[in-house]
Structures are given as structure tokens and as C-alpha cells.
PDB file of N, CA and C in Angstrom:
ATOM      1  N   UNK A   1      87.495  94.804 103.877  1.00  0.00           N
ATOM      2  CA  UNK A   1      86.686  95.992 103.796  1.00  0.00           C
ATOM      3  C   UNK A   1      87.097  96.990 104.888  1.00  0.00           C
ATOM      4  N   UNK A   2      87.516  96.485 106.017  1.00  0.00           N
ATOM      5  CA  UNK A   2      87.935  97.364 107.104  1.00  0.00           C
ATOM      6  C   UNK A   2      89.212  98.104 106.716  1.00  0.00           C
ATOM      7  N   UNK A   3      90.138  97.400 106.066  1.00  0.00           N
ATOM      8  CA  UNK A   3      91.386  98.028 105.645  1.00  0.00           C
ATOM      9  C   UNK A   3      91.121  99.126 104.622  1.00  0.00           C
ATOM     10  N   UNK A   4      90.225  98.865 103.674  1.00  0.00           N
ATOM     11  CA  UNK A   4      89.893  99.878 102.671  1.00  0.00           C
ATOM     12  C   UNK A   4      89.288 101.105 103.334  1.00  0.00           C
ATOM     13  N   UNK A   5      88.347 100.902 104.242  1.00  0.00           N
ATOM     14  CA  UNK A   5      87.707 102.029 104.925  1.00  0.00           C
ATOM     15  C   UNK A   5      88.717 102.813 105.763  1.00  0.00           C
ATOM     16  N   UNK A   6      89.617 102.114 106.431  1.00  0.00           N
ATOM     17  CA  UNK A   6      90.641 102.788 107.233  1.00  0.00           C
ATOM     18  C   UNK A   6      91.582 103.589 106.337  1.00  0.00           C
ATOM     19  N   UNK A   7      92.005 102.998 105.215  1.00  0.00           N
ATOM     20  CA  UNK A   7      92.897 103.703 104.289  1.00  0.00           C
ATOM     21  C   UNK A   7      92.198 104.900 103.672  1.00  0.00           C
ATOM     22  N   UNK A   8      90.932 104.761 103.341  1.00  0.00           N
ATOM     23  CA  UNK A   8      90.167 105.884 102.784  1.00  0.00           C
ATOM     24  C   UNK A   8      90.030 107.008 103.795  1.00  0.00           C
ATOM     25  N   UNK A   9      89.807 106.656 105.056  1.00  0.00           N
ATOM     26  CA  UNK A   9      89.685 107.667 106.106  1.00  0.00           C
ATOM     27  C   UNK A   9      91.013 108.396 106.309  1.00  0.00           C
ATOM     28  N   UNK A  10      92.109 107.650 106.308  1.00  0.00           N
ATOM     29  CA  UNK A  10      93.419 108.275 106.503  1.00  0.00           C
ATOM     30  C   UNK A  10      93.786 109.176 105.323  1.00  0.00           C
ATOM     31  N   UNK A  11      93.496 108.751 104.098  1.00  0.00           N
ATOM     32  CA  UNK A  11      93.823 109.587 102.936  1.00  0.00           C
ATOM     33  C   UNK A  11      92.928 110.815 102.854  1.00  0.00           C
ATOM     34  N   UNK A  12      91.717 110.723 103.383  1.00  0.00           N
ATOM     35  CA  UNK A  12      90.846 111.898 103.348  1.00  0.00           C
ATOM     36  C   UNK A  12      91.321 112.983 104.317  1.00  0.00           C
ATOM     37  N   UNK A  13      92.061 112.594 105.369  1.00  0.00           N
ATOM     38  CA  UNK A  13      92.569 113.570 106.328  1.00  0.00           C
ATOM     39  C   UNK A  13      93.917 114.158 105.931  1.00  0.00           C
ATOM     40  N   UNK A  14      94.544 113.593 104.901  1.00  0.00           N
ATOM     41  CA  UNK A  14      95.846 114.095 104.457  1.00  0.00           C
ATOM     42  C   UNK A  14      95.628 115.365 103.640  1.00  0.00           C
ATOM     43  N   UNK A  15      96.346 116.412 104.007  1.00  0.00           N
ATOM     44  CA  UNK A  15      96.251 117.691 103.300  1.00  0.00           C
ATOM     45  C   UNK A  15      97.443 117.799 102.359  1.00  0.00           C
ATOM     46  N   UNK A  16      97.144 117.959 101.066  1.00  0.00           N
ATOM     47  CA  UNK A  16      98.197 118.098 100.059  1.00  0.00           C
ATOM     48  C   UNK A  16      98.233 119.561  99.638  1.00  0.00           C
ATOM     49  N   UNK A  17      99.378 120.180  99.824  1.00  0.00           N
ATOM     50  CA  UNK A  17      99.497 121.581  99.429  1.00  0.00           C
ATOM     51  C   UNK A  17      99.682 121.646  97.915  1.00  0.00           C
ATOM     52  N   UNK A  18      98.773 122.339  97.248  1.00  0.00           N
ATOM     53  CA  UNK A  18      98.845 122.480  95.797  1.00  0.00           C
ATOM     54  C   UNK A  18      99.742 123.669  95.477  1.00  0.00           C
ATOM     55  N   UNK A  19     100.982 123.366  95.135  1.00  0.00           N
ATOM     56  CA  UNK A  19     101.948 124.411  94.835  1.00  0.00           C
ATOM     57  C   UNK A  19     101.713 124.939  93.419  1.00  0.00           C
ATOM     58  N   UNK A  20     102.466 125.951  93.031  1.00  0.00           N
ATOM     59  CA  UNK A  20     102.353 126.472  91.682  1.00  0.00           C
ATOM     60  C   UNK A  20     103.086 125.547  90.729  1.00  0.00           C
ATOM     61  N   UNK A  21     102.502 124.401  90.517  1.00  0.00           N
ATOM     62  CA  UNK A  21     103.070 123.408  89.615  1.00  0.00           C
ATOM     63  C   UNK A  21     102.154 123.272  88.406  1.00  0.00           C
ATOM     64  N   UNK A  22     102.577 122.450  87.481  1.00  0.00           N
ATOM     65  CA  UNK A  22     101.818 122.287  86.252  1.00  0.00           C
ATOM     66  C   UNK A  22     100.530 121.492  86.478  1.00  0.00           C
ATOM     67  N   UNK A  23     100.579 120.475  87.347  1.00  0.00           N
ATOM     68  CA  UNK A  23      99.433 119.604  87.566  1.00  0.00           C
ATOM     69  C   UNK A  23      99.022 119.625  89.032  1.00  0.00           C
ATOM     70  N   UNK A  24      97.747 119.391  89.306  1.00  0.00           N
ATOM     71  CA  UNK A  24      97.344 119.158  90.705  1.00  0.00           C
ATOM     72  C   UNK A  24      97.781 117.763  91.133  1.00  0.00           C
ATOM     73  N   UNK A  25      97.820 117.520  92.420  1.00  0.00           N
ATOM     74  CA  UNK A  25      98.328 116.257  92.939  1.00  0.00           C
ATOM     75  C   UNK A  25      97.266 115.524  93.739  1.00  0.00           C
ATOM     76  N   UNK A  26      97.398 114.207  93.780  1.00  0.00           N
ATOM     77  CA  UNK A  26      96.513 113.361  94.570  1.00  0.00           C
ATOM     78  C   UNK A  26      97.356 112.317  95.295  1.00  0.00           C
ATOM     79  N   UNK A  27      96.759 111.674  96.283  1.00  0.00           N
ATOM     80  CA  UNK A  27      97.451 110.666  97.081  1.00  0.00           C
ATOM     81  C   UNK A  27      97.547 109.371  96.284  1.00  0.00           C
ATOM     82  N   UNK A  28      98.684 108.701  96.373  1.00  0.00           N
ATOM     83  CA  UNK A  28      98.847 107.374  95.783  1.00  0.00           C
ATOM     84  C   UNK A  28      98.157 106.383  96.709  1.00  0.00           C
ATOM     85  N   UNK A  29      96.968 105.921  96.310  1.00  0.00           N
ATOM     86  CA  UNK A  29      96.145 105.112  97.200  1.00  0.00           C
ATOM     87  C   UNK A  29      96.753 103.733  97.429  1.00  0.00           C
ATOM     88  N   UNK A  30      97.472 103.193  96.462  1.00  0.00           N
ATOM     89  CA  UNK A  30      98.101 101.883  96.620  1.00  0.00           C
ATOM     90  C   UNK A  30      99.132 101.917  97.741  1.00  0.00           C
ATOM     91  N   UNK A  31      99.956 102.953  97.757  1.00  0.00           N
ATOM     92  CA  UNK A  31     100.953 103.091  98.821  1.00  0.00           C
ATOM     93  C   UNK A  31     100.250 103.355 100.151  1.00  0.00           C
ATOM     94  N   UNK A  32      99.156 104.110 100.121  1.00  0.00           N
ATOM     95  CA  UNK A  32      98.419 104.398 101.351  1.00  0.00           C
ATOM     96  C   UNK A  32      97.864 103.126 101.973  1.00  0.00           C
ATOM     97  N   UNK A  33      97.374 102.204 101.150  1.00  0.00           N
ATOM     98  CA  UNK A  33      96.860 100.936 101.680  1.00  0.00           C
ATOM     99  C   UNK A  33      97.986 100.127 102.311  1.00  0.00           C
ATOM    100  N   UNK A  34      99.165 100.108 101.691  1.00  0.00           N
ATOM    101  CA  UNK A  34     100.296  99.372 102.263  1.00  0.00           C
ATOM    102  C   UNK A  34     100.751  99.991 103.579  1.00  0.00           C
ATOM    103  N   UNK A  35     100.768 101.306 103.654  1.00  0.00           N
ATOM    104  CA  UNK A  35     101.165 101.978 104.902  1.00  0.00           C
ATOM    105  C   UNK A  35     100.149 101.677 106.002  1.00  0.00           C
ATOM    106  N   UNK A  36      98.866 101.726 105.669  1.00  0.00           N
ATOM    107  CA  UNK A  36      97.831 101.443 106.671  1.00  0.00           C
ATOM    108  C   UNK A  36      97.865  99.984 107.100  1.00  0.00           C
ATOM    109  N   UNK A  37      98.145  99.081 106.175  1.00  0.00           N
ATOM    110  CA  UNK A  37      98.236  97.666 106.527  1.00  0.00           C
ATOM    111  C   UNK A  37      99.403  97.423 107.474  1.00  0.00           C
ATOM    112  N   UNK A  38     100.525  98.085 107.209  1.00  0.00           N
ATOM    113  CA  UNK A  38     101.678  97.951 108.107  1.00  0.00           C
ATOM    114  C   UNK A  38     101.357  98.537 109.484  1.00  0.00           C
ATOM    115  N   UNK A  39     100.637  99.659 109.504  1.00  0.00           N
ATOM    116  CA  UNK A  39     100.260 100.292 110.771  1.00  0.00           C
ATOM    117  C   UNK A  39      99.344  99.379 111.577  1.00  0.00           C
ATOM    118  N   UNK A  40      98.365  98.763 110.912  1.00  0.00           N
ATOM    119  CA  UNK A  40      97.430  97.896 111.627  1.00  0.00           C
ATOM    120  C   UNK A  40      98.078  96.572 112.039  1.00  0.00           C
ATOM    121  N   UNK A  41      99.017  96.071 111.232  1.00  0.00           N
ATOM    122  CA  UNK A  41      99.656  94.806 111.594  1.00  0.00           C
ATOM    123  C   UNK A  41     100.655  94.978 112.735  1.00  0.00           C
ATOM    124  N   UNK A  42     101.175  96.198 112.910  1.00  0.00           N
ATOM    125  CA  UNK A  42     102.101  96.441 114.019  1.00  0.00           C
ATOM    126  C   UNK A  42     101.349  96.824 115.291  1.00  0.00           C
ATOM    127  N   UNK A  43     100.036  96.640 115.268  1.00  0.00           N
ATOM    128  CA  UNK A  43      99.158  96.894 116.428  1.00  0.00           C
ATOM    129  C   UNK A  43      99.210  98.345 116.888  1.00  0.00           C
ATOM    130  N   UNK A  44      99.391  99.248 115.927  1.00  0.00           N
ATOM    131  CA  UNK A  44      99.325 100.667 116.250  1.00  0.00           C
ATOM    132  C   UNK A  44     100.472 101.174 117.075  1.00  0.00           C
ATOM    133  N   UNK A  45     101.680 100.641 116.885  1.00  0.00           N
ATOM    134  CA  UNK A  45     102.827 101.104 117.662  1.00  0.00           C
ATOM    135  C   UNK A  45     103.158 102.562 117.369  1.00  0.00           C
ATOM    136  N   UNK A  46     102.968 102.985 116.119  1.00  0.00           N
ATOM    137  CA  UNK A  46     103.234 104.380 115.758  1.00  0.00           C
ATOM    138  C   UNK A  46     101.993 105.228 115.989  1.00  0.00           C
ATOM    139  N   UNK A  47     102.127 106.510 115.725  1.00  0.00           N
ATOM    140  CA  UNK A  47     100.972 107.382 115.878  1.00  0.00           C
ATOM    141  C   UNK A  47     100.311 107.582 114.519  1.00  0.00           C
ATOM    142  N   UNK A  48      99.018 107.894 114.484  1.00  0.00           N
ATOM    143  CA  UNK A  48      98.344 108.132 113.212  1.00  0.00           C
ATOM    144  C   UNK A  48      98.912 109.316 112.431  1.00  0.00           C
ATOM    145  N   UNK A  49      99.539 110.265 113.126  1.00  0.00           N
ATOM    146  CA  UNK A  49     100.145 111.385 112.410  1.00  0.00           C
ATOM    147  C   UNK A  49     101.356 110.916 111.595  1.00  0.00           C
ATOM    148  N   UNK A  50     102.055 109.873 112.083  1.00  0.00           N
ATOM    149  CA  UNK A  50     103.152 109.291 111.304  1.00  0.00           C
ATOM    150  C   UNK A  50     102.627 108.641 110.036  1.00  0.00           C
ATOM    151  N   UNK A  51     101.480 107.997 110.138  1.00  0.00           N
ATOM    152  CA  UNK A  51     100.862 107.360 108.976  1.00  0.00           C
ATOM    153  C   UNK A  51     100.466 108.430 107.963  1.00  0.00           C
ATOM    154  N   UNK A  52      99.897 109.517 108.420  1.00  0.00           N
ATOM    155  CA  UNK A  52      99.521 110.607 107.520  1.00  0.00           C
ATOM    156  C   UNK A  52     100.744 111.218 106.856  1.00  0.00           C
ATOM    157  N   UNK A  53     101.848 111.324 107.587  1.00  0.00           N
ATOM    158  CA  UNK A  53     103.070 111.876 107.004  1.00  0.00           C
ATOM    159  C   UNK A  53     103.621 110.964 105.922  1.00  0.00           C
ATOM    160  N   UNK A  54     103.576 109.654 106.148  1.00  0.00           N
ATOM    161  CA  UNK A  54     104.045 108.708 105.130  1.00  0.00           C
ATOM    162  C   UNK A  54     103.158 108.746 103.888  1.00  0.00           C
ATOM    163  N   UNK A  55     101.857 108.874 104.098  1.00  0.00           N
ATOM    164  CA  UNK A  55     100.937 108.956 102.959  1.00  0.00           C
ATOM    165  C   UNK A  55     101.156 110.256 102.193  1.00  0.00           C
ATOM    166  N   UNK A  56     101.410 111.342 102.916  1.00  0.00           N
ATOM    167  CA  UNK A  56     101.618 112.652 102.293  1.00  0.00           C
ATOM    168  C   UNK A  56     102.872 112.675 101.416  1.00  0.00           C
ATOM    169  N   UNK A  57     103.865 111.841 101.759  1.00  0.00           N
ATOM    170  CA  UNK A  57     105.100 111.821 100.978  1.00  0.00           C
ATOM    171  C   UNK A  57     104.922 111.160  99.614  1.00  0.00           C
ATOM    172  N   UNK A  58     103.896 110.334  99.452  1.00  0.00           N
ATOM    173  CA  UNK A  58     103.677 109.599  98.203  1.00  0.00           C
ATOM    174  C   UNK A  58     102.461 110.171  97.480  1.00  0.00           C
ATOM    175  N   UNK A  59     102.710 111.134  96.619  1.00  0.00           N
ATOM    176  CA  UNK A  59     101.630 111.757  95.863  1.00  0.00           C
ATOM    177  C   UNK A  59     101.913 111.604  94.370  1.00  0.00           C
ATOM    178  N   UNK A  60     100.840 111.684  93.579  1.00  0.00           N
ATOM    179  CA  UNK A  60     100.931 111.532  92.130  1.00  0.00           C
ATOM    180  C   UNK A  60     100.291 112.729  91.448  1.00  0.00           C
ATOM    181  N   UNK A  61     100.835 113.164  90.304  1.00  0.00           N
ATOM    182  CA  UNK A  61     100.182 114.243  89.569  1.00  0.00           C
ATOM    183  C   UNK A  61      98.947 113.730  88.834  1.00  0.00           C
ATOM    184  N   UNK A  62      97.941 114.594  88.726  1.00  0.00           N
ATOM    185  CA  UNK A  62      96.743 114.276  87.951  1.00  0.00           C
ATOM    186  C   UNK A  62      96.950 114.882  86.575  1.00  0.00           C
ATOM    187  N   UNK A  63      97.171 114.034  85.583  1.00  0.00           N
ATOM    188  CA  UNK A  63      97.446 114.517  84.233  1.00  0.00           C
ATOM    189  C   UNK A  63      96.188 114.381  83.379  1.00  0.00           C
ATOM    190  N   UNK A  64      95.616 115.487  82.944  1.00  0.00           N
ATOM    191  CA  UNK A  64      94.424 115.395  82.093  1.00  0.00           C
ATOM    192  C   UNK A  64      94.809 114.971  80.673  1.00  0.00           C
ATOM    193  N   UNK A  65      93.822 114.470  79.938  1.00  0.00           N
ATOM    194  CA  UNK A  65      94.062 114.111  78.541  1.00  0.00           C
ATOM    195  C   UNK A  65      94.226 115.368  77.706  1.00  0.00           C
ATOM    196  N   UNK A  66      95.094 115.272  76.706  1.00  0.00           N
ATOM    197  CA  UNK A  66      95.256 116.394  75.791  1.00  0.00           C
ATOM    198  C   UNK A  66      94.055 116.475  74.865  1.00  0.00           C
ATOM    199  N   UNK A  67      93.727 117.651  74.352  1.00  0.00           N
ATOM    200  CA  UNK A  67      92.594 117.755  73.427  1.00  0.00           C
ATOM    201  C   UNK A  67      92.834 116.898  72.183  1.00  0.00           C
ATOM    202  N   UNK A  68      91.845 116.101  71.824  1.00  0.00           N
ATOM    203  CA  UNK A  68      91.954 115.244  70.652  1.00  0.00           C
ATOM    204  C   UNK A  68      92.621 113.914  70.924  1.00  0.00           C
ATOM    205  N   UNK A  69      93.072 113.677  72.136  1.00  0.00           N
ATOM    206  CA  UNK A  69      93.728 112.422  72.463  1.00  0.00           C
ATOM    207  C   UNK A  69      92.690 111.397  72.890  1.00  0.00           C
ATOM    208  N   UNK A  70      92.780 110.215  72.325  1.00  0.00           N
ATOM    209  CA  UNK A  70      91.867 109.147  72.704  1.00  0.00           C
ATOM    210  C   UNK A  70      92.586 108.214  73.661  1.00  0.00           C
ATOM    211  N   UNK A  71      91.930 107.877  74.737  1.00  0.00           N
ATOM    212  CA  UNK A  71      92.521 106.991  75.731  1.00  0.00           C
ATOM    213  C   UNK A  71      91.981 105.579  75.502  1.00  0.00           C
ATOM    214  N   UNK A  72      92.483 104.916  74.479  1.00  0.00           N
ATOM    215  CA  UNK A  72      92.018 103.573  74.179  1.00  0.00           C
ATOM    216  C   UNK A  72      93.067 102.559  74.596  1.00  0.00           C
ATOM    217  N   UNK A  73      92.595 101.400  74.978  1.00  0.00           N
ATOM    218  CA  UNK A  73      93.502 100.319  75.355  1.00  0.00           C
ATOM    219  C   UNK A  73      93.966  99.604  74.100  1.00  0.00           C
ATOM    220  N   UNK A  74      95.210  99.254  74.092  1.00  0.00           N
ATOM    221  CA  UNK A  74      95.761  98.484  72.991  1.00  0.00           C
ATOM    222  C   UNK A  74      95.718  97.014  73.394  1.00  0.00           C
ATOM    223  N   UNK A  75      94.680  96.328  72.957  1.00  0.00           N
ATOM    224  CA  UNK A  75      94.457  94.949  73.352  1.00  0.00           C
ATOM    225  C   UNK A  75      95.130  94.022  72.346  1.00  0.00           C
ATOM    226  N   UNK A  76      95.930  93.120  72.845  1.00  0.00           N
ATOM    227  CA  UNK A  76      96.563  92.108  72.012  1.00  0.00           C
ATOM    228  C   UNK A  76      95.938  90.766  72.361  1.00  0.00           C
ATOM    229  N   UNK A  77      95.328  90.169  71.374  1.00  0.00           N
ATOM    230  CA  UNK A  77      94.687  88.890  71.596  1.00  0.00           C
ATOM    231  C   UNK A  77      95.727  87.774  71.572  1.00  0.00           C
ATOM    232  N   UNK A  78      95.600  86.845  72.497  1.00  0.00           N
ATOM    233  CA  UNK A  78      96.516  85.716  72.547  1.00  0.00           C
ATOM    234  C   UNK A  78      95.912  84.570  71.751  1.00  0.00           C
ATOM    235  N   UNK A  79      96.731  83.956  70.952  1.00  0.00           N
ATOM    236  CA  UNK A  79      96.242  82.841  70.159  1.00  0.00           C
ATOM    237  C   UNK A  79      96.131  81.601  71.035  1.00  0.00           C
ATOM    238  N   UNK A  80      95.294  80.662  70.594  1.00  0.00           N
ATOM    239  CA  UNK A  80      95.105  79.430  71.345  1.00  0.00           C
ATOM    240  C   UNK A  80      96.340  78.557  71.217  1.00  0.00           C
ATOM    241  N   UNK A  81      96.689  77.874  72.287  1.00  0.00           N
ATOM    242  CA  UNK A  81      97.845  76.990  72.314  1.00  0.00           C
ATOM    243  C   UNK A  81      97.383  75.583  71.999  1.00  0.00           C
ATOM    244  N   UNK A  82      98.006  74.980  71.018  1.00  0.00           N
ATOM    245  CA  UNK A  82      97.646  73.627  70.631  1.00  0.00           C
ATOM    246  C   UNK A  82      98.317  72.631  71.577  1.00  0.00           C
ATOM    247  N   UNK A  83      97.568  71.591  71.963  1.00  0.00           N
ATOM    248  CA  UNK A  83      98.096  70.584  72.852  1.00  0.00           C
ATOM    249  C   UNK A  83      98.473  69.304  72.111  1.00  0.00           C
ATOM    250  N   UNK A  84      98.759  69.405  70.812  1.00  0.00           N
ATOM    251  CA  UNK A  84      99.132  68.252  70.028  1.00  0.00           C
ATOM    252  C   UNK A  84     100.474  67.693  70.498  1.00  0.00           C
ATOM    253  N   UNK A  85     101.342  68.531  71.004  1.00  0.00           N
ATOM    254  CA  UNK A  85     102.647  68.078  71.439  1.00  0.00           C
ATOM    255  C   UNK A  85     102.548  67.167  72.663  1.00  0.00           C
ATOM    256  N   UNK A  86     101.409  67.144  73.336  1.00  0.00           N
ATOM    257  CA  UNK A  86     101.260  66.299  74.529  1.00  0.00           C
ATOM    258  C   UNK A  86     100.873  64.874  74.186  1.00  0.00           C
ATOM    259  N   UNK A  87     100.401  64.661  72.993  1.00  0.00           N
ATOM    260  CA  UNK A  87      99.977  63.316  72.620  1.00  0.00           C
ATOM    261  C   UNK A  87     101.213  62.441  72.471  1.00  0.00           C
ATOM    262  N   UNK A  88     101.242  61.369  73.203  1.00  0.00           N
ATOM    263  CA  UNK A  88     102.438  60.502  73.168  1.00  0.00           C
ATOM    264  C   UNK A  88     102.210  59.257  72.348  1.00  0.00           C
TER     265      UNK A  88
END
């Protein structure tokens, strides 16, 4: 829980410049957690501004759904495996 709170605090301080691009951008939180974990495991040898710079380099576009597009999961059910082959 401490790592999550630390990563959330660091990502909230990162400023992402929204350029004239097609989509707005957000921080890749998975990479941010790994960067913060490395920072905390190295006992804070680097500065927090270095951590913010690394987080700022890993951003993702926010892509909205197109009109009329349904975001449904394609679930494939797995069939049961018979254990008859184990009977000796």
C-alpha cells in the first residue's frame, strides 16, 4: 500500500504537456510503479526529480471509443479436461 501511495503521489506531480496532438496523454502507471519501486529499493540514491523525469518519459494516449463502438470482451470458454488418461 505504501508503494501504491508513493507512486500515485509521484505521478500526480508529473506535468504532461498536452501538445497539439490527436489524443490527450496520461502517465503509464505500471511503469511508474516499477520506477518508484526501483527508487525505493535503491534507498533513494537518486533524486525525486529523476524519478519524475523517468515517469514523464512513459506516457500513453487516451483513446476514446468511436461512436457506435461496443467495448465488449471476447470471452472464450475453456472446456473441461478429462482425466481418464490418468487411470492406469
